[in-house]
N, C-alpha and C. Protein backbone atom coordinates (compact mmCIF):
# COMPACT_ATOMS: atom_id res chain seq x y z
N UNK A 1 1.01 -1.16 0.05
CA UNK A 1 0.11 0.02 -0.01
C UNK A 1 0.88 1.26 0.13
N UNK A 2 0.57 2.09 -0.86
CA UNK A 2 1.32 3.43 -1.12
C UNK A 2 0.88 4.45 -0.05
N UNK A 3 1.73 5.43 0.27
CA UNK A 3 1.41 6.38 1.30
C UNK A 3 -0.07 7.07 0.74
N UNK A 4 -0.23 7.25 -0.47
CA UNK A 4 -1.50 7.82 -1.03
C UNK A 4 -2.69 6.97 -0.59
N UNK A 5 -2.57 5.69 -0.52
CA UNK A 5 -3.62 4.78 -0.17
C UNK A 5 -3.90 4.97 1.36
N UNK A 6 -2.82 5.09 2.17
CA UNK A 6 -2.96 5.34 3.56
C UNK A 6 -3.85 6.75 3.73
N UNK A 7 -3.67 7.74 2.95
CA UNK A 7 -4.44 8.95 3.12
C UNK A 7 -5.73 8.71 2.59
N UNK A 8 -5.98 8.00 1.63
CA UNK A 8 -7.41 7.67 1.10
C UNK A 8 -8.18 6.88 2.37
N UNK A 9 -7.52 5.95 2.94
CA UNK A 9 -8.10 5.13 3.88
C UNK A 9 -8.43 6.10 5.19
N UNK A 10 -7.38 6.87 5.38
CA UNK A 10 -7.64 7.82 6.51
C UNK A 10 -8.70 8.82 6.36
N UNK A 11 -8.96 9.31 5.22
CA UNK A 11 -9.99 10.18 4.86
C UNK A 11 -11.30 9.46 5.04
N UNK A 12 -11.51 8.17 4.59
CA UNK A 12 -12.64 7.57 4.96
C UNK A 12 -12.94 7.34 6.43
N UNK A 13 -11.73 6.98 7.19
CA UNK A 13 -11.91 6.87 8.61
C UNK A 13 -12.30 8.16 9.40
N UNK A 14 -11.68 9.18 8.95
CA UNK A 14 -12.09 10.46 9.57
C UNK A 14 -13.46 10.86 9.31
N UNK A 15 -13.93 10.58 7.97
CA UNK A 15 -15.25 10.88 7.61
C UNK A 15 -16.35 10.26 8.45
N UNK A 16 -15.95 8.84 8.77
CA UNK A 16 -16.84 8.04 9.55
C UNK A 16 -16.75 8.62 11.16
N UNK A 17 -15.56 8.65 11.63
CA UNK A 17 -15.42 9.00 13.08
C UNK A 17 -16.02 10.45 13.34
N UNK A 18 -15.89 11.40 12.42
CA UNK A 18 -16.28 12.76 12.63
C UNK A 18 -17.74 13.01 12.06
N UNK A 19 -18.31 11.84 11.45
CA UNK A 19 -19.70 11.81 10.88
C UNK A 19 -19.82 12.99 9.91
N UNK A 20 -18.70 13.12 8.95
CA UNK A 20 -18.81 14.31 8.08
C UNK A 20 -18.11 13.84 6.69
N UNK A 21 -18.95 13.48 5.81
CA UNK A 21 -18.48 12.86 4.44
C UNK A 21 -17.63 14.06 3.71
N UNK A 22 -17.75 15.23 3.93
CA UNK A 22 -16.95 16.24 3.31
C UNK A 22 -15.67 16.62 3.94
N UNK A 23 -15.35 15.79 4.92
CA UNK A 23 -14.00 16.20 5.71
C UNK A 23 -12.84 15.95 4.76
N UNK A 24 -11.88 16.93 4.75
CA UNK A 24 -10.72 16.83 4.02
C UNK A 24 -9.48 16.89 4.88
N UNK A 25 -8.67 16.05 4.78
CA UNK A 25 -7.39 15.99 5.62
C UNK A 25 -6.23 16.20 4.70
N UNK A 26 -5.24 16.73 5.31
CA UNK A 26 -3.79 16.95 4.72
C UNK A 26 -2.72 16.47 5.74
N UNK A 27 -1.53 16.28 5.35
CA UNK A 27 -0.43 15.96 6.26
C UNK A 27 -0.44 16.90 7.35
N UNK A 28 -0.83 18.17 7.34
CA UNK A 28 -0.59 19.19 8.31
C UNK A 28 -1.98 19.25 9.18
N UNK A 29 -2.99 18.50 8.83
CA UNK A 29 -4.28 18.62 9.61
C UNK A 29 -3.94 18.17 10.95
N UNK A 30 -4.45 18.95 11.96
CA UNK A 30 -4.31 18.53 13.43
C UNK A 30 -5.63 18.65 14.11
N UNK A 31 -5.80 18.39 15.28
CA UNK A 31 -6.94 18.32 16.20
C UNK A 31 -7.57 19.80 16.12
N UNK A 32 -6.63 20.87 16.08
CA UNK A 32 -7.01 22.15 16.15
C UNK A 32 -7.81 22.50 14.87
N UNK A 33 -7.74 21.80 13.88
CA UNK A 33 -8.41 22.10 12.42
C UNK A 33 -9.62 21.47 12.27
N UNK A 34 -10.12 20.59 12.98
CA UNK A 34 -11.31 19.83 12.92
C UNK A 34 -12.11 20.08 14.20
N UNK A 35 -13.44 20.67 13.94
CA UNK A 35 -14.15 20.85 15.05
C UNK A 35 -14.68 19.54 15.64
N UNK A 36 -14.76 19.41 16.87
CA UNK A 36 -15.20 18.12 17.53
C UNK A 36 -14.05 17.20 17.80
N UNK A 37 -12.89 17.48 17.44
CA UNK A 37 -11.73 16.50 17.66
C UNK A 37 -11.23 16.87 19.03
N UNK A 38 -11.87 16.11 19.96
CA UNK A 38 -11.58 16.17 21.44
C UNK A 38 -10.94 14.82 21.83
N UNK A 39 -10.69 14.73 23.17
CA UNK A 39 -9.91 13.50 23.63
C UNK A 39 -10.78 12.23 23.33
N UNK A 40 -12.01 12.26 23.47
CA UNK A 40 -12.83 11.01 23.40
C UNK A 40 -12.81 10.66 21.84
N UNK A 41 -12.95 11.71 20.93
CA UNK A 41 -12.90 11.55 19.60
C UNK A 41 -11.63 10.95 19.05
N UNK A 42 -10.54 11.48 19.81
CA UNK A 42 -9.05 10.99 19.37
C UNK A 42 -9.04 9.62 19.73
N UNK A 43 -9.48 9.13 20.77
CA UNK A 43 -9.48 7.63 21.14
C UNK A 43 -10.27 6.84 20.06
N UNK A 44 -11.51 7.21 19.77
CA UNK A 44 -12.24 6.51 18.72
C UNK A 44 -11.47 6.52 17.44
N UNK A 45 -10.87 7.60 17.06
CA UNK A 45 -10.17 7.62 15.72
C UNK A 45 -8.86 6.72 15.83
N UNK A 46 -8.23 6.65 17.09
CA UNK A 46 -7.02 5.71 17.10
C UNK A 46 -7.59 4.37 16.90
N UNK A 47 -8.53 4.06 17.52
CA UNK A 47 -9.26 2.60 17.54
C UNK A 47 -9.74 2.26 16.23
N UNK A 48 -10.33 3.16 15.51
CA UNK A 48 -10.86 2.95 14.11
C UNK A 48 -9.51 2.71 13.24
N UNK A 49 -8.47 3.51 13.32
CA UNK A 49 -7.31 3.32 12.45
C UNK A 49 -6.71 1.89 12.82
N UNK A 50 -6.52 1.54 14.12
CA UNK A 50 -5.83 0.23 14.46
C UNK A 50 -6.84 -0.86 13.84
N UNK A 51 -8.11 -0.78 13.93
CA UNK A 51 -8.92 -1.78 13.37
C UNK A 51 -8.84 -1.83 11.80
N UNK A 52 -8.83 -0.77 11.18
CA UNK A 52 -8.71 -0.86 9.77
C UNK A 52 -7.39 -1.39 9.28
N UNK A 53 -6.21 -0.94 9.76
CA UNK A 53 -4.99 -1.38 9.35
C UNK A 53 -4.47 -2.47 10.05
N UNK A 54 -5.29 -3.03 10.97
CA UNK A 54 -4.92 -4.27 11.83
C UNK A 54 -3.54 -4.12 12.50
N UNK A 55 -3.42 -3.01 13.22
CA UNK A 55 -2.25 -2.72 13.80
C UNK A 55 -2.58 -2.24 15.33
N UNK A 56 -1.59 -2.23 16.27
CA UNK A 56 -1.86 -1.80 17.56
C UNK A 56 -0.76 -0.70 17.90
N UNK A 57 -1.10 0.51 18.12
CA UNK A 57 -0.16 1.61 18.61
C UNK A 57 0.17 1.42 19.96
N UNK A 58 1.49 1.81 20.25
CA UNK A 58 1.87 1.96 21.68
C UNK A 58 1.53 3.27 22.13
N UNK A 59 1.24 3.58 23.39
CA UNK A 59 0.80 4.82 23.98
C UNK A 59 1.91 5.96 23.56
N UNK A 60 3.10 5.53 23.68
CA UNK A 60 4.28 6.57 23.26
C UNK A 60 4.04 6.92 21.94
N UNK A 61 3.83 6.00 21.07
CA UNK A 61 3.73 6.33 19.56
C UNK A 61 2.54 7.40 19.44
N UNK A 62 1.50 7.03 20.13
CA UNK A 62 0.21 8.07 19.98
C UNK A 62 0.60 9.42 20.59
N UNK A 63 1.39 9.30 21.61
CA UNK A 63 1.66 10.72 22.25
C UNK A 63 2.61 11.55 21.40
N UNK A 64 3.41 11.01 20.43
CA UNK A 64 4.27 11.71 19.53
C UNK A 64 3.36 12.27 18.43
N UNK A 65 2.19 11.89 18.07
CA UNK A 65 1.58 12.34 16.80
C UNK A 65 1.11 13.75 16.95
N UNK A 66 1.48 14.59 16.05
CA UNK A 66 1.16 16.04 16.02
C UNK A 66 0.18 16.36 14.99
N UNK A 67 0.10 15.56 13.89
CA UNK A 67 -0.77 15.82 12.78
C UNK A 67 -0.99 14.59 12.02
N UNK A 68 -1.78 14.71 11.03
CA UNK A 68 -2.29 13.60 10.24
C UNK A 68 -1.17 12.88 9.45
N UNK A 69 -0.04 13.76 9.13
CA UNK A 69 1.13 13.36 8.36
C UNK A 69 1.95 12.48 9.29
N UNK A 70 2.05 12.70 10.63
CA UNK A 70 2.73 11.92 11.55
C UNK A 70 1.96 10.57 11.68
N UNK A 71 0.57 10.60 11.60
CA UNK A 71 -0.19 9.30 11.76
C UNK A 71 0.01 8.44 10.58
N UNK A 72 -0.06 9.08 9.45
CA UNK A 72 0.23 8.43 8.19
C UNK A 72 1.49 7.63 8.10
N UNK A 73 2.46 8.47 8.56
CA UNK A 73 3.88 7.85 8.61
C UNK A 73 4.07 6.72 9.55
N UNK A 74 3.52 6.97 10.77
CA UNK A 74 3.44 5.72 11.69
C UNK A 74 2.77 4.50 11.19
N UNK A 75 1.67 4.79 10.40
CA UNK A 75 0.92 3.72 9.84
C UNK A 75 1.74 3.03 8.81
N UNK A 76 2.43 3.69 8.01
CA UNK A 76 3.24 3.18 7.00
C UNK A 76 4.40 2.49 7.68
N UNK A 77 4.98 2.84 8.70
CA UNK A 77 6.10 2.25 9.35
C UNK A 77 5.62 0.94 10.04
N UNK A 78 4.56 0.97 10.70
CA UNK A 78 3.94 -0.22 11.41
C UNK A 78 3.54 -1.24 10.44
N UNK A 79 3.10 -0.82 9.36
CA UNK A 79 2.60 -1.91 8.41
C UNK A 79 3.59 -2.29 7.38
N UNK A 80 4.80 -1.63 7.40
CA UNK A 80 5.89 -1.96 6.43
C UNK A 80 5.63 -1.51 5.04
N UNK A 81 4.74 -0.47 4.94
CA UNK A 81 4.36 -0.03 3.68
C UNK A 81 5.16 1.24 3.33
């Protein structure tokens, strides 16, 4: 899976978690950019990503994430893609 494919999947996951089919993400997108992205939604997002990509993040990995680009990079790293 290419990084573009990771972003495509993340867009679908974000749309589902935030219940917004029009949501647009970029590598620079962060919690401050999306209304409703609070701590509970963050947990739901992480769980949805883990389920979709069949991976499990460590807490330290999640704590280092600053934006969607960091998340996509971590997914690529953890899945070997």
